[in-house]
Protein backbone atom coordinates (compact mmCIF):
# COMPACT_ATOMS: atom_id res chain seq x y z
CA MET A 1 -202.43 -70.61 -58.20
CA PRO A 2 -200.73 -73.32 -56.09
CA LEU A 3 -197.90 -71.80 -54.06
CA THR A 4 -195.77 -74.92 -54.12
CA ARG A 5 -192.46 -73.09 -53.87
CA VAL A 6 -193.38 -70.68 -51.06
CA THR A 7 -191.37 -71.32 -47.88
CA ILE A 8 -191.84 -70.46 -44.24
CA ARG A 9 -188.59 -68.52 -44.34
CA GLN A 10 -190.04 -66.26 -47.05
CA PHE A 11 -193.06 -65.53 -44.87
CA GLU A 12 -190.77 -64.79 -41.93
CA ALA A 13 -188.73 -62.36 -44.04
CA PHE A 14 -191.89 -60.62 -45.28
CA LEU A 15 -193.37 -60.17 -41.81
CA ALA A 16 -190.07 -59.05 -40.30
CA ILE A 17 -189.79 -56.30 -42.91
CA VAL A 18 -193.39 -55.26 -42.21
CA ASP A 19 -192.68 -55.12 -38.49
CA LEU A 20 -189.33 -53.26 -38.69
CA HIS A 21 -189.88 -51.19 -41.86
CA SER A 22 -186.36 -52.10 -42.98
CA ILE A 23 -184.72 -54.93 -44.88
CA GLY A 24 -181.49 -54.43 -42.93
CA ALA A 25 -183.23 -54.60 -39.54
CA ALA A 26 -185.19 -57.65 -40.68
CA ALA A 27 -181.94 -59.32 -41.69
CA GLN A 28 -180.48 -58.73 -38.21
CA ARG A 29 -183.56 -60.22 -36.53
CA LEU A 30 -183.43 -63.30 -38.75
CA GLY A 31 -179.66 -63.71 -38.55
CA LEU A 32 -179.25 -63.29 -42.31
CA THR A 33 -177.59 -60.83 -44.62
CA SER A 34 -179.59 -58.03 -46.21
CA SER A 35 -179.05 -59.57 -49.64
CA ALA A 36 -180.41 -62.90 -48.41
CA VAL A 37 -183.57 -61.23 -47.07
CA SER A 38 -183.97 -59.30 -50.32
CA GLN A 39 -183.67 -62.59 -52.22
CA LEU A 40 -186.33 -64.24 -50.04
CA LEU A 41 -188.67 -61.31 -50.63
CA ALA A 42 -188.04 -61.36 -54.37
CA GLU A 43 -188.78 -65.11 -54.51
CA LEU A 44 -192.02 -64.66 -52.57
CA GLU A 45 -193.17 -61.80 -54.79
CA ALA A 46 -192.35 -63.83 -57.91
CA GLU A 47 -194.40 -66.75 -56.62
CA LEU A 48 -197.33 -64.55 -55.60
CA GLY A 49 -197.32 -62.53 -58.80
CA PHE A 50 -197.44 -59.07 -57.20
CA ARG A 51 -195.20 -56.65 -55.29
CA LEU A 52 -195.50 -56.64 -51.54
CA PHE A 53 -193.68 -53.37 -50.89
CA ASP A 54 -193.24 -49.96 -52.43
CA ARG A 55 -189.53 -49.19 -52.08
CA THR A 56 -187.74 -45.85 -52.11
CA THR A 57 -184.18 -44.99 -51.15
CA ARG A 58 -185.36 -44.08 -47.65
CA ARG A 59 -188.27 -46.35 -46.79
CA VAL A 60 -189.96 -49.69 -47.37
CA ALA A 61 -193.75 -49.55 -47.16
CA LEU A 62 -196.45 -52.11 -47.81
CA SER A 63 -198.06 -51.89 -51.21
CA SER A 64 -201.83 -52.07 -51.51
CA ALA A 65 -201.55 -55.73 -52.54
CA GLY A 66 -199.13 -56.34 -49.66
CA GLN A 67 -201.62 -54.81 -47.22
CA ASP A 68 -204.33 -57.14 -48.51
CA PHE A 69 -202.01 -60.15 -48.21
CA LEU A 70 -200.68 -59.32 -44.73
CA ALA A 71 -203.44 -60.95 -42.67
CA SER A 72 -203.15 -64.23 -44.58
CA ALA A 73 -199.37 -64.30 -44.14
CA GLU A 74 -199.70 -63.64 -40.42
CA SER A 75 -202.27 -66.43 -40.13
CA VAL A 76 -200.00 -68.91 -41.93
CA LEU A 77 -197.04 -68.13 -39.70
CA ARG A 78 -199.16 -68.21 -36.56
CA HIS A 79 -200.43 -71.69 -37.41
CA VAL A 80 -196.94 -72.91 -38.30
CA ARG A 81 -195.57 -71.67 -34.99
CA ALA A 82 -198.47 -73.28 -33.13
CA ALA A 83 -197.75 -76.56 -34.91
CA ALA A 84 -194.07 -76.27 -34.03
CA GLN A 85 -194.94 -75.63 -30.37
CA SER A 86 -197.32 -78.57 -30.38
CA ALA A 87 -194.59 -80.81 -31.81
CA ASP A 88 -192.17 -79.60 -29.16
CA ASP A 89 -194.69 -80.29 -26.41
CA ILE A 90 -195.38 -83.79 -27.69
CA ARG A 91 -191.69 -84.57 -28.17
CA ASN A 92 -190.89 -83.28 -24.67
CA ARG A 93 -193.80 -85.20 -23.10
CA ALA A 94 -195.46 -81.87 -22.26
CA ALA A 95 -198.79 -82.35 -24.07
CA GLY A 96 -201.19 -85.10 -25.02
CA ILE A 97 -203.90 -87.35 -23.62
CA VAL A 98 -203.13 -90.35 -21.41
CA ARG A 99 -205.77 -92.98 -20.58
CA VAL A 100 -205.10 -94.84 -17.34
CA GLY A 101 -207.19 -97.72 -16.09
CA ALA A 102 -207.46 -98.45 -12.37
CA PRO A 103 -209.84 -100.18 -9.95
CA LEU A 104 -211.97 -98.15 -7.57
CA VAL A 105 -209.62 -97.60 -4.63
CA ILE A 106 -206.60 -96.57 -6.71
CA ALA A 107 -208.82 -94.60 -9.10
CA SER A 108 -210.34 -92.61 -6.24
CA THR A 109 -207.32 -92.08 -3.98
CA ALA A 110 -203.82 -92.54 -5.42
CA LEU A 111 -204.43 -91.67 -9.07
CA PRO A 112 -206.16 -88.28 -8.62
CA ALA A 113 -203.36 -87.16 -6.29
CA ALA A 114 -200.73 -88.30 -8.80
CA ILE A 115 -202.49 -86.47 -11.65
CA ALA A 116 -202.73 -83.26 -9.61
CA GLU A 117 -198.99 -83.32 -8.88
CA TYR A 118 -198.11 -84.14 -12.49
CA ALA A 119 -200.32 -81.33 -13.80
CA ARG A 120 -198.29 -78.75 -11.91
CA ASP A 121 -195.28 -79.58 -14.09
CA LYS A 122 -197.08 -80.73 -17.26
CA PRO A 123 -200.31 -78.69 -17.48
CA LYS A 124 -200.92 -79.60 -21.13
CA VAL A 125 -200.99 -83.34 -20.46
CA VAL A 126 -204.55 -84.56 -19.89
CA VAL A 127 -204.67 -87.78 -17.85
CA ARG A 128 -208.04 -89.49 -17.96
CA ILE A 129 -208.99 -92.11 -15.39
CA CYS A 130 -210.81 -95.13 -16.79
CA ASP A 131 -212.60 -97.04 -14.03
CA THR A 132 -211.63 -100.67 -14.58
CA GLU A 133 -212.31 -103.87 -12.71
CA VAL A 134 -209.22 -105.76 -11.60
CA GLU A 135 -210.10 -108.66 -13.89
CA GLN A 136 -210.11 -106.35 -16.96
CA LEU A 137 -206.87 -104.41 -16.39
CA VAL A 138 -204.66 -106.58 -18.59
CA GLU A 139 -207.32 -107.07 -21.25
CA ARG A 140 -207.90 -103.33 -21.71
CA VAL A 141 -204.17 -102.62 -22.04
CA GLU A 142 -203.79 -105.50 -24.48
CA SER A 143 -206.65 -104.25 -26.67
CA GLY A 144 -205.36 -100.67 -26.72
CA ASP A 145 -208.48 -99.39 -24.98
CA ILE A 146 -206.22 -97.71 -22.40
CA ASP A 147 -202.55 -96.69 -22.45
CA LEU A 148 -201.65 -97.83 -18.95
CA ALA A 149 -203.24 -99.70 -16.09
CA ILE A 150 -202.46 -99.57 -12.38
CA GLY A 151 -203.67 -102.28 -10.06
CA PRO A 152 -203.00 -105.52 -8.20
CA ASP A 153 -200.72 -108.12 -9.72
CA ARG A 154 -202.31 -110.24 -12.43
CA GLN A 155 -201.10 -112.72 -15.01
CA SER A 156 -200.23 -110.47 -17.94
CA GLY A 157 -198.90 -112.75 -20.69
CA ALA A 158 -196.42 -111.78 -23.39
CA ARG A 159 -198.38 -108.86 -24.86
CA VAL A 160 -198.52 -106.81 -21.66
CA ARG A 161 -195.60 -105.87 -19.44
CA CYS A 162 -196.16 -105.82 -15.69
CA GLU A 163 -193.86 -103.61 -13.58
CA PRO A 164 -194.21 -103.86 -9.78
CA ALA A 165 -194.57 -100.44 -8.15
CA PHE A 166 -194.86 -101.41 -4.48
CA ALA A 167 -195.82 -104.31 -2.23
CA SER A 168 -198.76 -104.10 0.13
CA PRO A 169 -199.68 -106.64 2.84
CA TRP A 170 -203.18 -108.03 3.06
CA VAL A 171 -204.76 -106.73 6.26
CA MET A 172 -208.04 -106.94 8.08
CA TRP A 173 -210.37 -103.95 8.27
CA CYS A 174 -212.99 -103.80 11.01
CA SER A 175 -214.96 -101.31 13.09
CA ALA A 176 -213.30 -99.83 16.16
CA THR A 177 -215.80 -101.69 18.36
CA HIS A 178 -215.18 -105.11 16.82
CA PRO A 179 -213.62 -107.64 19.25
CA LEU A 180 -210.60 -108.12 16.98
CA ALA A 181 -209.89 -104.36 16.99
CA ALA A 182 -208.31 -104.74 20.43
CA ARG A 183 -205.61 -107.06 19.08
CA ARG A 184 -202.38 -105.53 17.85
CA ARG A 185 -202.01 -108.23 15.24
CA VAL A 186 -204.40 -110.88 14.05
CA GLN A 187 -203.54 -114.49 13.25
CA TRP A 188 -205.47 -116.51 10.73
CA PRO A 189 -207.07 -118.82 13.30
CA HIS A 190 -208.70 -115.74 14.87
CA LEU A 191 -210.72 -115.30 11.68
CA ARG A 192 -212.06 -118.83 11.49
CA ASP A 193 -215.49 -118.09 12.98
CA VAL A 194 -215.66 -114.39 12.06
CA PRO A 195 -218.00 -113.25 9.26
CA ILE A 196 -215.85 -112.00 6.36
CA VAL A 197 -217.10 -110.04 3.38
CA ALA A 198 -214.98 -110.12 0.22
CA THR A 199 -215.03 -107.59 -2.62
CA GLY A 200 -215.48 -109.16 -6.04
CA ARG A 201 -214.31 -112.56 -7.19
CA ASP A 202 -210.72 -111.38 -7.28
CA HIS A 203 -210.73 -110.75 -3.53
CA GLU A 204 -212.73 -113.91 -2.87
CA ARG A 205 -210.10 -116.00 -4.65
CA ALA A 206 -207.29 -114.15 -2.89
CA VAL A 207 -208.83 -114.75 0.53
CA ASP A 208 -209.37 -118.42 -0.27
CA GLN A 209 -205.82 -118.87 -1.59
CA MET A 210 -204.28 -117.39 1.54
CA ARG A 211 -205.03 -120.55 3.48
CA ALA A 212 -205.40 -123.02 0.62
CA ASN A 213 -202.66 -125.24 2.04
CA LEU A 214 -204.67 -125.94 5.21
CA PRO A 215 -207.26 -128.66 5.70
CA VAL A 216 -210.73 -127.74 4.51
CA GLU A 217 -212.02 -127.24 8.05
CA ALA A 218 -209.25 -124.71 8.81
CA ARG A 219 -209.57 -122.55 5.70
CA ILE A 220 -210.87 -118.98 5.78
CA VAL A 221 -213.93 -118.66 3.55
CA PRO A 222 -215.86 -115.41 3.00
CA VAL A 223 -219.49 -115.57 4.02
CA GLU A 224 -220.48 -112.93 1.48
CA VAL A 225 -219.09 -111.44 -1.74
CA VAL A 226 -220.04 -107.93 -2.87
CA ASP A 227 -219.12 -106.08 -6.04
CA ASN A 228 -217.82 -102.81 -4.57
CA VAL A 229 -215.21 -102.30 -1.89
CA THR A 230 -217.24 -99.43 -0.46
CA THR A 231 -220.07 -101.87 0.24
CA ALA A 232 -217.67 -104.13 2.12
CA PHE A 233 -216.38 -101.15 4.09
CA GLY A 234 -219.93 -100.12 4.94
CA LEU A 235 -220.75 -103.58 6.29
CA ALA A 236 -217.52 -103.66 8.27
CA ALA A 237 -218.17 -100.19 9.67
CA GLN A 238 -221.45 -101.44 11.15
CA GLY A 239 -219.72 -104.41 12.79
CA LEU A 240 -221.59 -106.91 10.62
CA ALA A 241 -218.37 -108.43 9.25
CA VAL A 242 -214.70 -107.77 8.69
CA THR A 243 -213.15 -107.44 5.29
CA LEU A 244 -209.70 -108.30 4.01
CA ALA A 245 -207.91 -106.01 1.59
CA PRO A 246 -204.39 -104.75 0.84
CA ALA A 247 -203.10 -102.02 3.16
CA TYR A 248 -203.02 -99.49 0.31
CA VAL A 249 -206.80 -99.08 0.61
CA ALA A 250 -206.17 -97.13 3.83
CA PRO A 251 -207.11 -93.65 2.50
CA LEU A 252 -210.59 -94.90 1.59
CA ALA A 253 -211.06 -97.30 4.50
CA ARG A 254 -210.27 -94.54 7.00
CA THR A 255 -213.23 -92.50 5.74
CA PHE A 256 -215.47 -95.32 7.04
CA GLY A 257 -213.81 -95.19 10.46
CA LEU A 258 -212.30 -98.64 9.97
CA VAL A 259 -209.35 -99.98 11.92
CA MET A 260 -206.49 -101.79 10.17
CA LYS A 261 -204.97 -104.93 11.67
CA ARG A 262 -202.05 -106.88 10.24
CA ILE A 263 -202.63 -110.59 9.69
CA VAL A 264 -199.54 -112.68 10.43
CA ASP A 265 -198.27 -116.25 10.50
CA PRO A 266 -198.04 -116.03 7.56
CA GLU A 267 -198.38 -112.53 6.19
CA THR A 268 -199.63 -112.33 2.62
CA ILE A 269 -198.22 -109.65 0.34
CA ARG A 270 -199.80 -108.24 -2.80
CA GLU A 271 -197.97 -106.26 -5.48
CA VAL A 272 -199.42 -103.16 -7.10
CA CYS A 273 -198.20 -102.95 -10.68
CA VAL A 274 -198.19 -100.69 -13.71
CA TYR A 275 -199.23 -102.45 -16.93
CA ARG A 276 -198.29 -101.35 -20.45
CA SER A 277 -198.34 -102.97 -23.88
CA THR A 278 -195.27 -104.73 -25.26
CA GLU A 279 -196.60 -104.44 -28.82
CA ARG A 280 -197.44 -100.73 -29.07
CA ALA A 281 -195.14 -97.87 -28.21
CA LEU A 282 -196.64 -95.37 -25.82
CA SER A 283 -197.06 -91.77 -26.94
CA PRO A 284 -194.43 -89.44 -25.44
CA SER A 285 -197.02 -88.03 -23.02
CA ALA A 286 -198.11 -91.51 -21.86
CA ASP A 287 -194.51 -92.67 -21.58
CA GLY A 288 -193.69 -89.62 -19.48
CA PHE A 289 -196.63 -90.19 -17.15
CA ALA A 290 -195.74 -93.89 -16.84
CA ASP A 291 -192.22 -92.99 -15.67
CA PHE A 292 -193.60 -90.41 -13.25
CA VAL A 293 -196.35 -92.58 -11.75
CA MET A 294 -193.98 -95.48 -11.05
CA ARG A 295 -191.85 -93.22 -8.83
CA TRP A 296 -194.89 -91.46 -7.40
CA LEU A 297 -196.63 -94.70 -6.35
CA LYS A 298 -193.58 -95.86 -4.41
CA ARG A 299 -193.50 -92.56 -2.50
CA TRP A 300 -197.27 -92.56 -1.98
CA ASP A 301 -197.15 -96.06 -0.48
CA ARG A 302 -194.36 -95.10 1.92
CA GLU A 303 -196.26 -92.01 3.07
CA THR A 304 -199.57 -93.90 3.38
CA GLN A 305 -198.01 -96.64 5.49
CA ALA A 306 -196.13 -94.12 7.65
CA GLU A 307 -199.41 -92.31 8.31
CA ALA A 308 -201.12 -95.60 9.17
CA ARG A 309 -198.37 -96.49 11.65
CA GLY A 310 -198.63 -93.06 13.22
CA LYS A 311 -202.38 -93.44 13.75
CA ARG A 312 -201.94 -96.89 15.28
CA ALA A 313 -199.38 -95.42 17.69
C-alpha cells in the first residue's frame, strides 16, 4: 500500500509518544497541543491500516503491530534527519568535495597547508588536489574537470575568471657556493654568460620575455629546459646552473639548500591567481573554499617572504 499521505510530522508524533509514554508529554516536546498530536497519530494509523498503541485511561503502550512497525519508523526518521543535516552542511558550505588544480610547487607546499587549516573549521569538506601543468590550468577549469585552479597568471578568456591572489617577483635560485650567491642583488647582465635551466616551456617563455626588448646578443636564454622544477633545483643545488622562478617557490627551493637572489633593473613580477568558471556556479563547498583560499594565499605569501628576508639577514 503506497503511503502517499504519511508525513514526517506524523512519524515524529508517533516516536515521541513511544519515547515519553504520553500524548501530553509528546505534545510538549513537539510544541503542539495534545489534540494536534492525537490527530497526527490518528491520521498515521488510518493510513497504515492498524493501531499503533493500546490506550487506557492511565497509559499509552505500543500495540503488537506498533512494536513491529517501530524499527521502520525510526529508520525513516533517522534518514530524514541525516538528509536534513546534509542539506544544512551543504548550504552552510560545511560539506562537499572540492577539486583544486595546481602546479607542482603550489600543490606540494601552499595548498596542503591551506587544506589542513580549512579542515579544522570545515572537517566535512574534502578538498582534492589535482596536479596540473601551468599550461592546462585554464583549460581544466573551463571544461569542468576541476572546480578551481591556483597558479601563475595566464590568459583566461571569457569563460574563466582570473582573480589575482598575490604578486611574486621572479628571482634567481643558486647553490650557496655559486659565485652569484655572494651578491645581494643580481642584475640581468650578470646572468648573460651563466648557465640557466628553465622549468617547462612556460618558464622558458617567461625567462625569454624578461629581456625581449634587448638586442639579441644581450638577451637571457636558458641553456636547458626540464619538465619538473625539482629537476631544475637539483641541477642548481649541484652548481651546474642557476634557475629562475617566482619567489613563492621558496618553501620547496629551501629544501635543496638553494639561495634566493632578487634580480633587478628591471624586476619582473608574476601574479598568482585563482581561476574559476564564469559559466558554472560553484557548489557551496567549493565557493566557500575559494573565498577562504584567496585570503589564505595572501597571508601565506606575506609569511613566506618575511621568512625569506629573515634568513637572508
